[in-house]
PDB file of N, CA and C in Angstrom:
ATOM      1  N   UNK A   1      74.745  73.420 132.823  1.00  0.00           N
ATOM      2  CA  UNK A   1      75.196  72.149 132.339  1.00  0.00           C
ATOM      3  C   UNK A   1      75.345  71.211 133.743  1.00  0.00           C
ATOM      4  N   UNK A   2      75.831  71.813 134.722  1.00  0.00           N
ATOM      5  CA  UNK A   2      76.090  71.110 135.982  1.00  0.00           C
ATOM      6  C   UNK A   2      74.719  70.681 136.666  1.00  0.00           C
ATOM      7  N   UNK A   3      73.794  71.597 136.634  1.00  0.00           N
ATOM      8  CA  UNK A   3      72.516  71.304 137.069  1.00  0.00           C
ATOM      9  C   UNK A   3      71.807  70.158 136.382  1.00  0.00           C
ATOM     10  N   UNK A   4      71.929  70.103 135.105  1.00  0.00           N
ATOM     11  CA  UNK A   4      71.385  68.998 134.323  1.00  0.00           C
ATOM     12  C   UNK A   4      71.983  67.788 134.547  1.00  0.00           C
ATOM     13  N   UNK A   5      73.307  67.775 134.612  1.00  0.00           N
ATOM     14  CA  UNK A   5      74.112  66.662 134.893  1.00  0.00           C
ATOM     15  C   UNK A   5      73.739  65.932 136.327  1.00  0.00           C
ATOM     16  N   UNK A   6      73.539  66.957 137.348  1.00  0.00           N
ATOM     17  CA  UNK A   6      73.270  66.499 138.665  1.00  0.00           C
ATOM     18  C   UNK A   6      71.777  65.677 138.620  1.00  0.00           C
ATOM     19  N   UNK A   7      70.946  66.347 137.964  1.00  0.00           N
ATOM     20  CA  UNK A   7      69.633  65.763 137.695  1.00  0.00           C
ATOM     21  C   UNK A   7      69.688  64.332 137.120  1.00  0.00           C
ATOM     22  N   UNK A   8      70.495  64.214 136.141  1.00  0.00           N
ATOM     23  CA  UNK A   8      70.634  62.895 135.517  1.00  0.00           C
ATOM     24  C   UNK A   8      71.243  61.925 136.386  1.00  0.00           C
ATOM     25  N   UNK A   9      72.244  62.329 137.153  1.00  0.00           N
ATOM     26  CA  UNK A   9      72.793  61.356 138.130  1.00  0.00           C
ATOM     27  C   UNK A   9      71.801  61.009 139.192  1.00  0.00           C
ATOM     28  N   UNK A  10      70.981  61.928 139.595  1.00  0.00           N
ATOM     29  CA  UNK A  10      69.885  61.574 140.437  1.00  0.00           C
ATOM     30  C   UNK A  10      68.975  60.517 139.916  1.00  0.00           C
ATOM     31  N   UNK A  11      68.607  60.717 138.707  1.00  0.00           N
ATOM     32  CA  UNK A  11      67.709  59.601 138.006  1.00  0.00           C
ATOM     33  C   UNK A  11      68.377  58.315 138.004  1.00  0.00           C
ATOM     34  N   UNK A  12      69.656  58.270 137.760  1.00  0.00           N
ATOM     35  CA  UNK A  12      70.476  57.037 137.560  1.00  0.00           C
ATOM     36  C   UNK A  12      70.603  56.406 139.070  1.00  0.00           C
ATOM     37  N   UNK A  13      70.866  57.289 140.063  1.00  0.00           N
ATOM     38  CA  UNK A  13      71.071  56.684 141.513  1.00  0.00           C
ATOM     39  C   UNK A  13      69.630  56.122 141.897  1.00  0.00           C
ATOM     40  N   UNK A  14      68.572  56.826 141.573  1.00  0.00           N
ATOM     41  CA  UNK A  14      67.302  56.329 141.819  1.00  0.00           C
ATOM     42  C   UNK A  14      66.916  55.016 141.203  1.00  0.00           C
ATOM     43  N   UNK A  15      67.225  54.922 139.881  1.00  0.00           N
ATOM     44  CA  UNK A  15      67.022  53.653 139.272  1.00  0.00           C
ATOM     45  C   UNK A  15      67.898  52.495 139.822  1.00  0.00           C
ATOM     46  N   UNK A  16      69.052  52.781 140.240  1.00  0.00           N
ATOM     47  CA  UNK A  16      69.822  51.790 141.011  1.00  0.00           C
ATOM     48  C   UNK A  16      69.434  51.421 142.387  1.00  0.00           C
ATOM     49  N   UNK A  17      68.458  52.184 142.905  1.00  0.00           N
ATOM     50  CA  UNK A  17      67.910  51.823 144.228  1.00  0.00           C
ATOM     51  C   UNK A  17      68.583  52.634 145.369  1.00  0.00           C
ATOM     52  N   UNK A  18      69.330  53.572 145.027  1.00  0.00           N
ATOM     53  CA  UNK A  18      69.928  54.467 146.146  1.00  0.00           C
ATOM     54  C   UNK A  18      69.210  55.756 146.298  1.00  0.00           C
ATOM     55  N   UNK A  19      68.153  55.720 146.924  1.00  0.00           N
ATOM     56  CA  UNK A  19      67.289  56.967 147.080  1.00  0.00           C
ATOM     57  C   UNK A  19      67.953  58.005 147.832  1.00  0.00           C
ATOM     58  N   UNK A  20      68.821  57.787 148.840  1.00  0.00           N
ATOM     59  CA  UNK A  20      69.479  58.820 149.505  1.00  0.00           C
ATOM     60  C   UNK A  20      70.421  59.618 148.618  1.00  0.00           C
ATOM     61  N   UNK A  21      71.208  58.872 147.850  1.00  0.00           N
ATOM     62  CA  UNK A  21      72.061  59.543 146.946  1.00  0.00           C
ATOM     63  C   UNK A  21      71.324  60.194 145.732  1.00  0.00           C
ATOM     64  N   UNK A  22      70.212  59.713 145.312  1.00  0.00           N
ATOM     65  CA  UNK A  22      69.294  60.256 144.281  1.00  0.00           C
ATOM     66  C   UNK A  22      68.861  61.593 144.808  1.00  0.00           C
ATOM     67  N   UNK A  23      68.395  61.678 145.992  1.00  0.00           N
ATOM     68  CA  UNK A  23      67.794  62.876 146.633  1.00  0.00           C
ATOM     69  C   UNK A  23      68.927  63.977 146.712  1.00  0.00           C
ATOM     70  N   UNK A  24      70.113  63.593 147.123  1.00  0.00           N
ATOM     71  CA  UNK A  24      71.250  64.495 147.075  1.00  0.00           C
ATOM     72  C   UNK A  24      71.600  65.080 145.757  1.00  0.00           C
ATOM     73  N   UNK A  25      71.625  64.259 144.837  1.00  0.00           N
ATOM     74  CA  UNK A  25      71.800  64.778 143.436  1.00  0.00           C
ATOM     75  C   UNK A  25      70.698  65.646 143.042  1.00  0.00           C
ATOM     76  N   UNK A  26      69.442  65.381 143.261  1.00  0.00           N
ATOM     77  CA  UNK A  26      68.334  66.113 142.837  1.00  0.00           C
ATOM     78  C   UNK A  26      68.417  67.463 143.594  1.00  0.00           C
ATOM     79  N   UNK A  27      68.566  67.437 144.783  1.00  0.00           N
ATOM     80  CA  UNK A  27      68.751  68.692 145.477  1.00  0.00           C
ATOM     81  C   UNK A  27      69.829  69.607 144.893  1.00  0.00           C
ATOM     82  N   UNK A  28      70.902  68.930 144.592  1.00  0.00           N
ATOM     83  CA  UNK A  28      71.998  69.750 144.057  1.00  0.00           C
ATOM     84  C   UNK A  28      71.532  70.248 142.625  1.00  0.00           C
ATOM     85  N   UNK A  29      70.871  69.585 141.861  1.00  0.00           N
ATOM     86  CA  UNK A  29      70.327  69.996 140.592  1.00  0.00           C
ATOM     87  C   UNK A  29      69.409  71.239 140.831  1.00  0.00           C
ATOM     88  N   UNK A  30      68.578  71.110 141.750  1.00  0.00           N
ATOM     89  CA  UNK A  30      67.617  72.257 141.976  1.00  0.00           C
ATOM     90  C   UNK A  30      68.365  73.487 142.447  1.00  0.00           C
ATOM     91  N   UNK A  31      69.389  73.396 143.336  1.00  0.00           N
ATOM     92  CA  UNK A  31      70.151  74.461 143.798  1.00  0.00           C
ATOM     93  C   UNK A  31      70.854  75.134 142.605  1.00  0.00           C
ATOM     94  N   UNK A  32      71.481  74.315 141.723  1.00  0.00           N
ATOM     95  CA  UNK A  32      72.280  74.872 140.606  1.00  0.00           C
ATOM     96  C   UNK A  32      71.440  75.517 139.548  1.00  0.00           C
ATOM     97  N   UNK A  33      70.275  74.892 139.339  1.00  0.00           N
ATOM     98  CA  UNK A  33      69.393  75.442 138.282  1.00  0.00           C
ATOM     99  C   UNK A  33      68.688  76.795 138.782  1.00  0.00           C
ATOM    100  N   UNK A  34      68.546  76.843 140.093  1.00  0.00           N
ATOM    101  CA  UNK A  34      67.929  78.026 140.693  1.00  0.00           C
ATOM    102  C   UNK A  34      68.958  79.259 140.536  1.00  0.00           C
ATOM    103  N   UNK A  35      70.249  78.850 140.733  1.00  0.00           N
ATOM    104  CA  UNK A  35      71.247  79.838 140.674  1.00  0.00           C
ATOM    105  C   UNK A  35      71.304  80.519 139.382  1.00  0.00           C
ATOM    106  N   UNK A  36      71.109  79.728 138.278  1.00  0.00           N
ATOM    107  CA  UNK A  36      71.318  80.271 136.951  1.00  0.00           C
ATOM    108  C   UNK A  36      70.021  80.987 136.467  1.00  0.00           C
ATOM    109  N   UNK A  37      68.930  80.837 137.225  1.00  0.00           N
ATOM    110  CA  UNK A  37      67.605  81.545 136.831  1.00  0.00           C
ATOM    111  C   UNK A  37      66.709  80.603 136.042  1.00  0.00           C
ATOM    112  N   UNK A  38      66.985  79.308 136.040  1.00  0.00           N
ATOM    113  CA  UNK A  38      66.023  78.412 135.362  1.00  0.00           C
ATOM    114  C   UNK A  38      64.681  78.318 136.156  1.00  0.00           C
ATOM    115  N   UNK A  39      63.724  78.855 135.828  1.00  0.00           N
ATOM    116  CA  UNK A  39      62.465  79.021 136.627  1.00  0.00           C
ATOM    117  C   UNK A  39      61.726  77.637 136.560  1.00  0.00           C
ATOM    118  N   UNK A  40      61.673  77.026 135.426  1.00  0.00           N
ATOM    119  CA  UNK A  40      60.799  75.835 135.410  1.00  0.00           C
ATOM    120  C   UNK A  40      61.582  74.478 135.772  1.00  0.00           C
ATOM    121  N   UNK A  41      62.789  74.402 135.535  1.00  0.00           N
ATOM    122  CA  UNK A  41      63.597  73.258 135.815  1.00  0.00           C
ATOM    123  C   UNK A  41      63.487  72.792 137.245  1.00  0.00           C
ATOM    124  N   UNK A  42      63.725  73.656 138.210  1.00  0.00           N
ATOM    125  CA  UNK A  42      63.518  73.163 139.616  1.00  0.00           C
ATOM    126  C   UNK A  42      62.240  72.530 139.910  1.00  0.00           C
ATOM    127  N   UNK A  43      61.127  73.111 139.390  1.00  0.00           N
ATOM    128  CA  UNK A  43      59.805  72.415 139.570  1.00  0.00           C
ATOM    129  C   UNK A  43      59.734  71.002 138.894  1.00  0.00           C
ATOM    130  N   UNK A  44      60.318  70.944 137.739  1.00  0.00           N
ATOM    131  CA  UNK A  44      60.467  69.614 137.074  1.00  0.00           C
ATOM    132  C   UNK A  44      61.188  68.671 137.886  1.00  0.00           C
ATOM    133  N   UNK A  45      62.266  69.033 138.507  1.00  0.00           N
ATOM    134  CA  UNK A  45      63.138  68.170 139.266  1.00  0.00           C
ATOM    135  C   UNK A  45      62.330  67.722 140.494  1.00  0.00           C
ATOM    136  N   UNK A  46      61.569  68.671 141.171  1.00  0.00           N
ATOM    137  CA  UNK A  46      60.731  68.290 142.351  1.00  0.00           C
ATOM    138  C   UNK A  46      59.721  67.225 141.923  1.00  0.00           C
ATOM    139  N   UNK A  47      59.081  67.486 140.841  1.00  0.00           N
ATOM    140  CA  UNK A  47      58.135  66.472 140.436  1.00  0.00           C
ATOM    141  C   UNK A  47      58.691  65.181 140.108  1.00  0.00           C
ATOM    142  N   UNK A  48      59.936  65.046 139.634  1.00  0.00           N
ATOM    143  CA  UNK A  48      60.459  63.787 139.361  1.00  0.00           C
ATOM    144  C   UNK A  48      60.867  63.111 140.567  1.00  0.00           C
ATOM    145  N   UNK A  49      61.230  63.783 141.561  1.00  0.00           N
ATOM    146  CA  UNK A  49      61.625  63.145 142.854  1.00  0.00           C
ATOM    147  C   UNK A  49      60.440  62.495 143.557  1.00  0.00           C
ATOM    148  N   UNK A  50      59.232  62.833 143.166  1.00  0.00           N
ATOM    149  CA  UNK A  50      58.006  62.169 143.864  1.00  0.00           C
ATOM    150  C   UNK A  50      57.693  60.933 143.086  1.00  0.00           C
ATOM    151  N   UNK A  51      58.165  60.617 141.976  1.00  0.00           N
ATOM    152  CA  UNK A  51      57.748  59.419 141.193  1.00  0.00           C
ATOM    153  C   UNK A  51      58.436  58.239 141.759  1.00  0.00           C
TER     154      UNK A  51
END
């Protein structure tokens, strides 16, 4: 849940124009999702950061 919330906050921060905060949230999402064994979610998060 925390990983998904961090990813959502990353999207919101990016939409509001704060790329540094967005990157921090997305990195946190990747870290948390990797910890719980979500194999595909971190890759999804990386691809969304490049948009």
